[in-house]
């Protein structure tokens, strides 16, 4: 058996401590002296290793050491209650139990049959430009393998499209399922089929009862005011497969581990995920319906405003905040969703999931006299119909659904009509067969920020040089000035994340020192959430300010460019680019 270096070092240290503790070295010296004096003739002064080991064994010293130094290999040796430890861990006193890797002793087939969460598979298509498209989303019932002979079964599943193509077949996927380690006893197909039938029956009954309750709740809501029927009160939403789910099932507290440190950093992460409205075929003013499950949203790395809001709300709940998704409208009556948090002091904060911006809500009192100064709303939201999270749902029943006059006292049922928490829990709580499967953990970024920054910067330099060459202009790069642009890009990202501006004084001072007297400096920062240099360059040329820098003419023109990629979980990126130039002013 070969041990890793760190385990070998640990073993050596434990053995050394034990030898010192038992004074083995002293006892060996005594045996050595005695053996030389008594057992060897005076003319044989050379003592071999075999002679020494033989003498130590005869006196029981080796047996004493091995009794004190135990290596745990058998859990049946005696009952212990200590926590499990790896098989390569050595101890000197009362070693803990080492559990053998025998899956059948840990979870049997009957227990696994009660795990009703399916395997969620998402099929993504990526084109040559890196653009992703959601092709299919499938929930695989894996428990059929529990009744398969030898723990192996083959399944052929038909994958259907998503959104408007949710009834169109995109292909057949052959799947081989194998249970490892193999179960000691498999279930009969009758048992698994009966379990599946009972679950379907139970799920259908829960969904039926919730639908009955939701209809009754909606009738009561309309009886408060008939005008409530035009408010955006969203109780159900279709997922990418066209399945109607309660909106509360799209939310679940999500902890990001070590990947995100603060709620504001979480908001920044969500905002750099791409925004793309659900595709629609044909005309019409209606907004297409498609709320993606979290796995489909993260695999695409882009989605609609509802997908962003659901993810941000889940992350804020994971950070211990009381967060809700708000459904309403923004300017010109366009349907929109955003996130709201309620502070313990009553402060209401709106979070825009597409930008990461935060707004404090201070309601306007319409009954105040005209001379009373009212707070001016800074947020872009106009009306609000309902709010919800994974446990609660409230319909706005205030006289006006305008956000600026809304009071968010959720305990006042005259302002917010609640839905039964038990009814929501029956269909939305984790583990229920009708709810969305457990959210996948966020994955760390696989993008190397430094390497990617250098690659994009080099590509942009080539594109700028070629563009200026087509205009009959030469290009001279100022590497020192390019490097000095880095603090500005870092400050921009910090401000987007924390709303705190820092480091601007040092940046301005460095630029003043780098630009000689009589010269003019111009800079233009721009932000992207993708890493396609050619696409970014085409976008920059549409800005007159950036185009003026790239096509700068004059005396002693020097160009500079700096790219800084900031990585976030799921390989999401915030890409900051700054174009700059300096030239001699001739007047």
Foldseek 3Di string as FASTA:
>chain_A
DDDDPVLVVQVVVQLVVLCVVVVVVVVLVVLVVCCQVPVDDVVPNDDDPVNSVVSCVVVCNVVVSDVQWDQDDDQVPDDDDDDEDDNSDTDRPDDDGHDDPDVQVVDALVRVLLQQFFDKDWDWDADPLRAIDTFFIDTHDQSVLLADPQSKDKDKDFTFGWFPGLVPTPDIDIDMGGDPPDHPDGDHPVVSVVSVVVLVVLLVVLVVVLVVQVVVLVVVLCVLDVVLVPFPAQQWAAAGNRDTDGLQLLAAAAEQPPQDDDLLSLLVLLQLQAEDADDDPDDDDDGGTHAYRQVNCLVSSYYHQNNLQRSSQNHVVNVVWAKKKWWFAFPPGHTHIWMWTADPVGWIWTARSNQSDIFTADAFDPPDDPVDDGDDGPDRTFFTAWIHHNQKIWGAQPPGRGRRHQRPPVVDCNGIPIRDSVSSCSQRPASRNNGNHDDDHWAAAPDDFVVLQVVLVVVLVVVLQVVLVVVVHHAAADAVLQVLCVVVVVQVVVCSRPVDGDDPVVSVVVVVVVADPQKDKAKDKDKHFDSRNVVVVVVQCVDPSSVCLSNPDAAPKHKYKGWGWDAGISNTIIIMMMIMIMHGDDD
